[in-house]
Amino acid sequence: MSQPLERVFLCFDSSFKYPFDRTEGFCLFIYRNLQAAIGAYYDFESPNISVPSMSFVEDVTIGEGESIPPDTQFVKTWRIQNSGSEAWPPGVCLKYVGGDQFGHVNMVMVRSLEPQEIADVSVQMCSPSRAGMYQGQWRMCTATGLYYGVLSILTAGLVITSS
């Protein structure tokens, strides 16, 4: 595997450290992230593609360490910023990309932000029925399918407590 491609794989999951473990776990990692990794590799190799920039500012609701009772409807809100020098293109959205989904919503539209503009983006969710620690990942996506930025409900952030 080429060094640039390995660097791209490393950005998807911080639990995979260089040098790569070439065992079954790594194969599972590649299978789950193959489409995103290949797309990111070609984006990395193509300097003419302008990728929007996004920075996580803070959790507005359901922050790290907060608990939610089982089977409870809630709204998860992230505060994000266009950290780039160009406005986001029309049609950007936040998409569920992996982990625990917390309901049936898999995409929400997000208005285009001007450079350095900050906005809140919210998703209606429902906590799982069983107590435990859960994690889901959401990413920004352009109308053409180019992913950028990562928002997560962190494992330590959503703890479902029994009633």
N, C-alpha and C. Protein backbone atom coordinates (compact mmCIF):
# COMPACT_ATOMS: atom_id res chain seq x y z
N MET A 1 0.87 -1.17 0.00
CA MET A 1 0.00 0.00 0.00
C MET A 1 0.91 1.23 0.00
N SER A 2 0.58 2.22 -0.80
CA SER A 2 1.40 3.42 -0.89
C SER A 2 1.31 4.25 0.38
N GLN A 3 2.37 5.01 0.67
CA GLN A 3 2.39 5.87 1.86
C GLN A 3 1.24 6.88 1.86
N PRO A 4 0.95 7.58 0.72
CA PRO A 4 -0.19 8.53 0.76
C PRO A 4 -1.52 7.84 1.07
N LEU A 5 -1.73 6.64 0.51
CA LEU A 5 -2.98 5.93 0.77
C LEU A 5 -3.06 5.50 2.23
N GLU A 6 -1.94 5.07 2.81
CA GLU A 6 -1.93 4.71 4.23
C GLU A 6 -2.27 5.92 5.10
N ARG A 7 -1.78 7.12 4.74
CA ARG A 7 -2.10 8.33 5.50
C ARG A 7 -3.60 8.61 5.43
N VAL A 8 -4.21 8.37 4.27
CA VAL A 8 -5.65 8.59 4.14
C VAL A 8 -6.41 7.62 5.04
N PHE A 9 -6.00 6.33 5.06
CA PHE A 9 -6.66 5.36 5.92
C PHE A 9 -6.55 5.76 7.38
N LEU A 10 -5.41 6.29 7.79
CA LEU A 10 -5.21 6.68 9.17
C LEU A 10 -6.19 7.75 9.63
N CYS A 11 -6.63 8.62 8.73
CA CYS A 11 -7.53 9.70 9.13
C CYS A 11 -8.94 9.21 9.43
N PHE A 12 -9.29 7.99 9.06
CA PHE A 12 -10.65 7.51 9.27
C PHE A 12 -10.89 6.92 10.64
N ASP A 13 -9.86 6.39 11.30
CA ASP A 13 -10.10 5.76 12.59
C ASP A 13 -8.82 5.84 13.40
N SER A 14 -8.85 6.61 14.49
CA SER A 14 -7.64 6.83 15.27
C SER A 14 -7.16 5.57 15.99
N SER A 15 -7.96 4.49 16.02
CA SER A 15 -7.52 3.27 16.68
C SER A 15 -6.57 2.47 15.81
N PHE A 16 -6.43 2.81 14.55
CA PHE A 16 -5.49 2.14 13.67
C PHE A 16 -4.23 2.98 13.60
N LYS A 17 -3.13 2.45 14.12
CA LYS A 17 -1.88 3.17 14.17
C LYS A 17 -0.91 2.62 13.13
N TYR A 18 -0.01 3.45 12.70
CA TYR A 18 1.03 3.05 11.76
C TYR A 18 2.15 2.38 12.54
N PRO A 19 2.79 1.27 12.08
CA PRO A 19 2.47 0.57 10.86
C PRO A 19 1.17 -0.22 11.00
N PHE A 20 0.52 -0.47 9.87
CA PHE A 20 -0.78 -1.12 9.90
C PHE A 20 -0.69 -2.56 10.37
N ASP A 21 -1.67 -2.95 11.14
CA ASP A 21 -1.84 -4.33 11.55
C ASP A 21 -2.53 -5.02 10.37
N ARG A 22 -1.90 -5.98 9.77
CA ARG A 22 -2.45 -6.61 8.57
C ARG A 22 -3.27 -7.86 8.92
N THR A 23 -4.01 -7.78 10.00
CA THR A 23 -4.82 -8.91 10.45
C THR A 23 -6.26 -8.72 10.05
N GLU A 24 -7.13 -9.57 10.56
CA GLU A 24 -8.56 -9.52 10.24
C GLU A 24 -9.18 -8.17 10.59
N GLY A 25 -8.79 -7.56 11.70
CA GLY A 25 -9.34 -6.27 12.09
C GLY A 25 -9.08 -5.21 11.04
N PHE A 26 -7.90 -5.23 10.45
CA PHE A 26 -7.58 -4.26 9.41
C PHE A 26 -8.43 -4.52 8.17
N CYS A 27 -8.64 -5.80 7.84
CA CYS A 27 -9.49 -6.12 6.67
C CYS A 27 -10.91 -5.61 6.89
N LEU A 28 -11.43 -5.77 8.10
CA LEU A 28 -12.76 -5.26 8.42
C LEU A 28 -12.79 -3.75 8.29
N PHE A 29 -11.74 -3.10 8.78
CA PHE A 29 -11.62 -1.64 8.67
C PHE A 29 -11.67 -1.21 7.20
N ILE A 30 -10.92 -1.89 6.35
CA ILE A 30 -10.90 -1.54 4.92
C ILE A 30 -12.27 -1.77 4.31
N TYR A 31 -12.91 -2.90 4.62
CA TYR A 31 -14.23 -3.19 4.06
C TYR A 31 -15.23 -2.11 4.42
N ARG A 32 -15.24 -1.67 5.68
CA ARG A 32 -16.21 -0.68 6.13
C ARG A 32 -15.96 0.70 5.53
N ASN A 33 -14.72 1.02 5.23
CA ASN A 33 -14.36 2.37 4.82
C ASN A 33 -13.79 2.46 3.41
N LEU A 34 -13.93 1.40 2.63
CA LEU A 34 -13.30 1.36 1.33
C LEU A 34 -13.76 2.49 0.41
N GLN A 35 -15.06 2.69 0.29
CA GLN A 35 -15.55 3.74 -0.61
C GLN A 35 -15.06 5.11 -0.17
N ALA A 36 -15.16 5.41 1.11
CA ALA A 36 -14.72 6.71 1.61
C ALA A 36 -13.21 6.87 1.45
N ALA A 37 -12.46 5.80 1.71
CA ALA A 37 -11.00 5.88 1.63
C ALA A 37 -10.53 6.08 0.19
N ILE A 38 -11.12 5.36 -0.75
CA ILE A 38 -10.72 5.51 -2.15
C ILE A 38 -11.07 6.91 -2.64
N GLY A 39 -12.27 7.37 -2.28
CA GLY A 39 -12.64 8.73 -2.68
C GLY A 39 -11.71 9.77 -2.09
N ALA A 40 -11.35 9.61 -0.82
CA ALA A 40 -10.44 10.55 -0.17
C ALA A 40 -9.05 10.48 -0.79
N TYR A 41 -8.61 9.28 -1.18
CA TYR A 41 -7.30 9.13 -1.81
C TYR A 41 -7.24 9.92 -3.11
N TYR A 42 -8.28 9.78 -3.94
CA TYR A 42 -8.27 10.51 -5.20
C TYR A 42 -8.45 12.01 -4.99
N ASP A 43 -9.23 12.39 -3.96
CA ASP A 43 -9.34 13.81 -3.63
C ASP A 43 -7.98 14.34 -3.19
N PHE A 44 -7.24 13.55 -2.40
CA PHE A 44 -5.92 13.93 -1.91
C PHE A 44 -4.95 14.11 -3.07
N GLU A 45 -5.07 13.24 -4.08
CA GLU A 45 -4.17 13.28 -5.22
C GLU A 45 -4.59 14.32 -6.27
N SER A 46 -5.76 14.91 -6.15
CA SER A 46 -6.28 15.85 -7.14
C SER A 46 -6.37 17.25 -6.55
N PRO A 47 -5.33 18.06 -6.73
CA PRO A 47 -5.32 19.38 -6.09
C PRO A 47 -6.35 20.35 -6.66
N ASN A 48 -6.97 20.04 -7.80
CA ASN A 48 -7.93 20.95 -8.42
C ASN A 48 -9.32 20.87 -7.78
N ILE A 49 -9.55 19.88 -6.94
CA ILE A 49 -10.85 19.73 -6.30
C ILE A 49 -10.89 20.63 -5.06
N SER A 50 -11.89 21.48 -5.01
CA SER A 50 -12.05 22.36 -3.85
C SER A 50 -12.99 21.68 -2.86
N VAL A 51 -12.45 21.29 -1.73
CA VAL A 51 -13.23 20.60 -0.70
C VAL A 51 -13.64 21.62 0.36
N PRO A 52 -14.93 21.69 0.69
CA PRO A 52 -15.35 22.59 1.76
C PRO A 52 -14.66 22.22 3.07
N SER A 53 -14.55 23.19 3.95
CA SER A 53 -13.94 22.96 5.26
C SER A 53 -14.99 23.13 6.35
N MET A 54 -14.91 22.27 7.37
CA MET A 54 -15.83 22.37 8.48
C MET A 54 -15.07 22.07 9.76
N SER A 55 -15.34 22.85 10.80
CA SER A 55 -14.77 22.60 12.12
C SER A 55 -15.90 22.42 13.12
N PHE A 56 -15.73 21.46 14.02
CA PHE A 56 -16.64 21.27 15.13
C PHE A 56 -16.32 22.36 16.15
N VAL A 57 -17.35 23.07 16.63
CA VAL A 57 -17.16 24.11 17.63
C VAL A 57 -17.50 23.56 19.02
N GLU A 58 -18.72 23.03 19.16
CA GLU A 58 -19.11 22.46 20.46
C GLU A 58 -20.41 21.67 20.33
N ASP A 59 -20.64 20.80 21.32
CA ASP A 59 -21.92 20.13 21.45
C ASP A 59 -22.86 21.13 22.10
N VAL A 60 -24.00 21.38 21.46
CA VAL A 60 -25.01 22.27 22.04
C VAL A 60 -25.93 21.45 22.95
N THR A 61 -26.29 20.25 22.50
CA THR A 61 -27.09 19.33 23.32
C THR A 61 -26.39 17.98 23.37
N ILE A 62 -26.67 17.21 24.39
CA ILE A 62 -26.13 15.86 24.60
C ILE A 62 -24.61 15.88 24.45
N GLY A 63 -23.96 16.52 25.39
CA GLY A 63 -22.51 16.61 25.39
C GLY A 63 -21.86 15.36 25.97
N GLU A 64 -20.56 15.34 25.95
CA GLU A 64 -19.79 14.21 26.46
C GLU A 64 -20.13 13.94 27.92
N GLY A 65 -20.39 12.66 28.22
CA GLY A 65 -20.67 12.26 29.60
C GLY A 65 -22.13 12.35 30.00
N GLU A 66 -23.00 12.88 29.15
CA GLU A 66 -24.42 12.99 29.50
C GLU A 66 -25.13 11.66 29.29
N SER A 67 -26.13 11.41 30.11
CA SER A 67 -26.91 10.17 30.04
C SER A 67 -28.31 10.46 29.52
N ILE A 68 -28.89 9.46 28.87
CA ILE A 68 -30.25 9.55 28.35
C ILE A 68 -30.96 8.25 28.72
N PRO A 69 -32.19 8.31 29.20
CA PRO A 69 -32.93 7.07 29.49
C PRO A 69 -33.19 6.28 28.19
N PRO A 70 -33.39 4.96 28.30
CA PRO A 70 -33.69 4.15 27.12
C PRO A 70 -34.99 4.60 26.43
N ASP A 71 -35.06 4.37 25.13
CA ASP A 71 -36.25 4.68 24.31
C ASP A 71 -36.74 6.11 24.51
N THR A 72 -35.85 7.06 24.49
CA THR A 72 -36.19 8.46 24.70
C THR A 72 -35.88 9.27 23.44
N GLN A 73 -36.87 10.03 22.97
CA GLN A 73 -36.65 10.94 21.84
C GLN A 73 -35.81 12.12 22.33
N PHE A 74 -34.84 12.54 21.52
CA PHE A 74 -34.03 13.70 21.86
C PHE A 74 -33.53 14.35 20.58
N VAL A 75 -33.05 15.57 20.71
CA VAL A 75 -32.48 16.29 19.58
C VAL A 75 -31.00 16.49 19.87
N LYS A 76 -30.16 15.99 18.97
CA LYS A 76 -28.72 16.19 19.08
C LYS A 76 -28.37 17.41 18.23
N THR A 77 -27.69 18.39 18.83
CA THR A 77 -27.30 19.60 18.11
C THR A 77 -25.81 19.83 18.26
N TRP A 78 -25.16 20.01 17.10
CA TRP A 78 -23.74 20.35 17.06
C TRP A 78 -23.61 21.80 16.59
N ARG A 79 -22.65 22.51 17.08
CA ARG A 79 -22.30 23.84 16.56
C ARG A 79 -21.08 23.63 15.67
N ILE A 80 -21.21 24.07 14.42
CA ILE A 80 -20.15 23.87 13.44
C ILE A 80 -19.76 25.20 12.81
N GLN A 81 -18.61 25.22 12.16
CA GLN A 81 -18.13 26.43 11.50
C GLN A 81 -17.57 26.09 10.13
N ASN A 82 -17.84 26.96 9.17
CA ASN A 82 -17.17 26.87 7.88
C ASN A 82 -15.78 27.46 8.12
N SER A 83 -14.80 26.60 8.26
CA SER A 83 -13.44 27.05 8.58
C SER A 83 -12.61 27.33 7.34
N GLY A 84 -13.25 27.29 6.18
CA GLY A 84 -12.53 27.54 4.94
C GLY A 84 -12.60 28.99 4.50
N SER A 85 -12.07 29.24 3.32
CA SER A 85 -12.03 30.60 2.76
C SER A 85 -13.09 30.82 1.70
N GLU A 86 -13.91 29.78 1.43
CA GLU A 86 -14.98 29.89 0.43
C GLU A 86 -16.31 29.47 1.06
N ALA A 87 -17.39 30.05 0.54
CA ALA A 87 -18.73 29.64 1.00
C ALA A 87 -18.97 28.18 0.61
N TRP A 88 -19.77 27.49 1.41
CA TRP A 88 -20.12 26.12 1.07
C TRP A 88 -21.03 26.14 -0.16
N PRO A 89 -20.94 25.12 -0.99
CA PRO A 89 -21.83 25.06 -2.16
C PRO A 89 -23.27 24.78 -1.73
N PRO A 90 -24.23 25.08 -2.58
CA PRO A 90 -25.63 24.77 -2.25
C PRO A 90 -25.83 23.26 -2.14
N GLY A 91 -26.77 22.87 -1.31
CA GLY A 91 -27.15 21.46 -1.22
C GLY A 91 -26.32 20.62 -0.27
N VAL A 92 -25.57 21.23 0.65
CA VAL A 92 -24.80 20.42 1.59
C VAL A 92 -25.75 19.82 2.63
N CYS A 93 -25.35 18.67 3.17
CA CYS A 93 -26.17 18.01 4.17
C CYS A 93 -25.28 17.30 5.17
N LEU A 94 -25.86 16.91 6.27
CA LEU A 94 -25.19 16.10 7.28
C LEU A 94 -25.75 14.69 7.12
N LYS A 95 -24.87 13.69 6.92
CA LYS A 95 -25.31 12.32 6.68
C LYS A 95 -24.77 11.38 7.76
N TYR A 96 -25.62 10.45 8.15
CA TYR A 96 -25.19 9.35 9.02
C TYR A 96 -24.29 8.45 8.20
N VAL A 97 -23.10 8.09 8.75
CA VAL A 97 -22.16 7.27 7.99
C VAL A 97 -21.74 5.99 8.71
N GLY A 98 -22.06 5.84 10.00
CA GLY A 98 -21.66 4.60 10.65
C GLY A 98 -21.91 4.60 12.14
N GLY A 99 -21.74 3.42 12.72
CA GLY A 99 -21.96 3.26 14.16
C GLY A 99 -23.44 3.11 14.46
N ASP A 100 -23.82 3.53 15.65
CA ASP A 100 -25.21 3.44 16.08
C ASP A 100 -25.99 4.63 15.52
N GLN A 101 -27.16 4.36 14.94
CA GLN A 101 -27.90 5.42 14.23
C GLN A 101 -28.85 6.22 15.11
N PHE A 102 -29.37 5.69 16.17
CA PHE A 102 -30.27 6.43 17.07
C PHE A 102 -31.54 6.91 16.37
N GLY A 103 -32.22 6.01 15.69
CA GLY A 103 -33.47 6.36 15.03
C GLY A 103 -33.39 6.14 13.53
N HIS A 104 -34.33 6.78 12.81
CA HIS A 104 -34.44 6.53 11.37
C HIS A 104 -33.92 7.67 10.51
N VAL A 105 -33.55 8.77 11.10
CA VAL A 105 -33.04 9.90 10.32
C VAL A 105 -31.62 9.59 9.88
N ASN A 106 -31.37 9.67 8.56
CA ASN A 106 -30.01 9.42 8.09
C ASN A 106 -29.40 10.61 7.35
N MET A 107 -30.17 11.70 7.25
CA MET A 107 -29.64 12.89 6.58
C MET A 107 -30.47 14.11 6.96
N VAL A 108 -29.79 15.24 7.15
CA VAL A 108 -30.47 16.52 7.33
C VAL A 108 -29.78 17.55 6.46
N MET A 109 -30.57 18.38 5.82
CA MET A 109 -30.00 19.45 4.99
C MET A 109 -29.41 20.53 5.89
N VAL A 110 -28.32 21.12 5.43
CA VAL A 110 -27.65 22.20 6.17
C VAL A 110 -27.49 23.37 5.20
N ARG A 111 -27.83 24.55 5.67
CA ARG A 111 -27.70 25.71 4.79
C ARG A 111 -26.23 25.98 4.49
N SER A 112 -25.96 26.57 3.34
CA SER A 112 -24.60 26.93 2.97
C SER A 112 -24.11 28.03 3.90
N LEU A 113 -22.90 27.86 4.41
CA LEU A 113 -22.32 28.85 5.31
C LEU A 113 -21.24 29.65 4.60
N GLU A 114 -21.18 30.91 4.93
CA GLU A 114 -20.11 31.78 4.43
C GLU A 114 -18.82 31.45 5.18
N PRO A 115 -17.65 31.85 4.66
CA PRO A 115 -16.40 31.59 5.36
C PRO A 115 -16.43 32.11 6.80
N GLN A 116 -16.01 31.27 7.72
CA GLN A 116 -15.92 31.54 9.16
C GLN A 116 -17.28 31.65 9.85
N GLU A 117 -18.38 31.48 9.12
CA GLU A 117 -19.71 31.54 9.72
C GLU A 117 -19.94 30.31 10.59
N ILE A 118 -20.65 30.50 11.69
CA ILE A 118 -20.97 29.43 12.64
C ILE A 118 -22.48 29.19 12.61
N ALA A 119 -22.87 27.92 12.70
CA ALA A 119 -24.30 27.57 12.72
C ALA A 119 -24.50 26.31 13.55
N ASP A 120 -25.74 26.09 13.98
CA ASP A 120 -26.11 24.87 14.68
C ASP A 120 -26.79 23.94 13.70
N VAL A 121 -26.51 22.65 13.81
CA VAL A 121 -27.18 21.64 12.99
C VAL A 121 -27.72 20.58 13.95
N SER A 122 -29.00 20.24 13.77
CA SER A 122 -29.69 19.33 14.71
C SER A 122 -30.26 18.12 13.99
N VAL A 123 -30.30 17.01 14.73
CA VAL A 123 -30.87 15.76 14.23
C VAL A 123 -31.78 15.19 15.31
N GLN A 124 -33.02 14.84 14.93
CA GLN A 124 -33.95 14.18 15.84
C GLN A 124 -33.51 12.73 15.99
N MET A 125 -33.33 12.27 17.22
CA MET A 125 -32.84 10.92 17.47
C MET A 125 -33.67 10.25 18.56
N CYS A 126 -33.45 8.95 18.73
CA CYS A 126 -34.09 8.18 19.79
C CYS A 126 -33.02 7.27 20.40
N SER A 127 -32.94 7.26 21.72
CA SER A 127 -31.93 6.43 22.39
C SER A 127 -32.29 4.95 22.24
N PRO A 128 -31.27 4.08 22.25
CA PRO A 128 -31.51 2.64 22.16
C PRO A 128 -32.32 2.14 23.36
N SER A 129 -32.91 0.97 23.21
CA SER A 129 -33.77 0.42 24.26
C SER A 129 -32.99 -0.24 25.39
N ARG A 130 -31.73 -0.57 25.16
CA ARG A 130 -30.93 -1.23 26.19
C ARG A 130 -29.84 -0.30 26.71
N ALA A 131 -29.59 -0.37 28.02
CA ALA A 131 -28.54 0.44 28.64
C ALA A 131 -27.18 0.06 28.03
N GLY A 132 -26.31 1.04 27.92
CA GLY A 132 -24.97 0.79 27.39
C GLY A 132 -24.36 2.08 26.88
N MET A 133 -23.18 1.94 26.28
CA MET A 133 -22.48 3.08 25.69
C MET A 133 -22.55 2.92 24.17
N TYR A 134 -22.90 4.01 23.48
CA TYR A 134 -23.14 3.95 22.05
C TYR A 134 -22.39 5.06 21.32
N GLN A 135 -22.14 4.83 20.03
CA GLN A 135 -21.42 5.81 19.22
C GLN A 135 -21.98 5.80 17.80
N GLY A 136 -22.17 6.99 17.24
CA GLY A 136 -22.57 7.11 15.85
C GLY A 136 -21.75 8.20 15.18
N GLN A 137 -21.51 8.07 13.89
CA GLN A 137 -20.74 9.06 13.15
C GLN A 137 -21.59 9.71 12.07
N TRP A 138 -21.43 11.01 11.93
CA TRP A 138 -22.12 11.81 10.93
C TRP A 138 -21.08 12.65 10.21
N ARG A 139 -21.24 12.83 8.90
CA ARG A 139 -20.30 13.64 8.14
C ARG A 139 -21.06 14.61 7.24
N MET A 140 -20.43 15.74 7.00
CA MET A 140 -20.97 16.70 6.04
C MET A 140 -20.73 16.14 4.65
N CYS A 141 -21.63 16.48 3.71
CA CYS A 141 -21.54 15.96 2.35
C CYS A 141 -22.06 17.01 1.38
N THR A 142 -21.37 17.17 0.26
CA THR A 142 -21.85 18.09 -0.76
C THR A 142 -22.94 17.41 -1.58
N ALA A 143 -23.64 18.17 -2.40
CA ALA A 143 -24.69 17.62 -3.26
C ALA A 143 -24.11 16.62 -4.26
N THR A 144 -22.82 16.71 -4.55
CA THR A 144 -22.18 15.78 -5.49
C THR A 144 -21.61 14.54 -4.79
N GLY A 145 -21.78 14.44 -3.46
CA GLY A 145 -21.34 13.26 -2.74
C GLY A 145 -19.95 13.33 -2.14
N LEU A 146 -19.34 14.50 -2.11
CA LEU A 146 -18.01 14.66 -1.54
C LEU A 146 -18.14 14.89 -0.03
N TYR A 147 -17.60 13.97 0.76
CA TYR A 147 -17.68 14.08 2.22
C TYR A 147 -16.58 14.99 2.75
N TYR A 148 -16.91 15.70 3.83
CA TYR A 148 -15.93 16.53 4.54
C TYR A 148 -16.39 16.69 5.97
N GLY A 149 -15.44 16.86 6.88
CA GLY A 149 -15.77 17.04 8.28
C GLY A 149 -16.36 15.78 8.90
N VAL A 150 -16.24 15.66 10.22
CA VAL A 150 -16.77 14.51 10.95
C VAL A 150 -17.43 15.01 12.24
N LEU A 151 -18.64 14.55 12.50
CA LEU A 151 -19.31 14.82 13.78
C LEU A 151 -19.68 13.47 14.38
N SER A 152 -19.45 13.30 15.65
CA SER A 152 -19.73 12.02 16.28
C SER A 152 -20.54 12.21 17.55
N ILE A 153 -21.32 11.19 17.85
CA ILE A 153 -21.80 11.05 19.21
C ILE A 153 -20.77 10.10 19.81
N LEU A 154 -19.91 10.61 20.64
CA LEU A 154 -18.79 9.85 21.14
C LEU A 154 -19.23 8.76 22.10
N THR A 155 -18.45 7.68 22.15
CA THR A 155 -18.76 6.57 23.04
C THR A 155 -18.96 7.05 24.46
N ALA A 156 -18.11 7.97 24.91
CA ALA A 156 -18.24 8.48 26.27
C ALA A 156 -19.35 9.52 26.39
N GLY A 157 -19.91 9.94 25.28
CA GLY A 157 -20.88 11.02 25.31
C GLY A 157 -22.33 10.58 25.40
N LEU A 158 -22.66 9.38 25.00
CA LEU A 158 -24.05 8.94 25.04
C LEU A 158 -24.12 7.65 25.81
N VAL A 159 -24.48 7.72 27.06
CA VAL A 159 -24.58 6.57 27.94
C VAL A 159 -26.04 6.38 28.26
N ILE A 160 -26.59 5.27 27.84
CA ILE A 160 -28.01 4.99 28.09
C ILE A 160 -28.11 4.31 29.46
N THR A 161 -28.84 4.91 30.36
CA THR A 161 -28.99 4.35 31.71
C THR A 161 -30.32 3.62 31.82
N SER A 162 -30.31 2.56 32.60
CA SER A 162 -31.56 1.81 32.77
C SER A 162 -32.52 2.60 33.66
N SER A 163 -33.81 2.41 33.41
CA SER A 163 -34.82 3.17 34.16
C SER A 163 -34.98 2.67 35.58
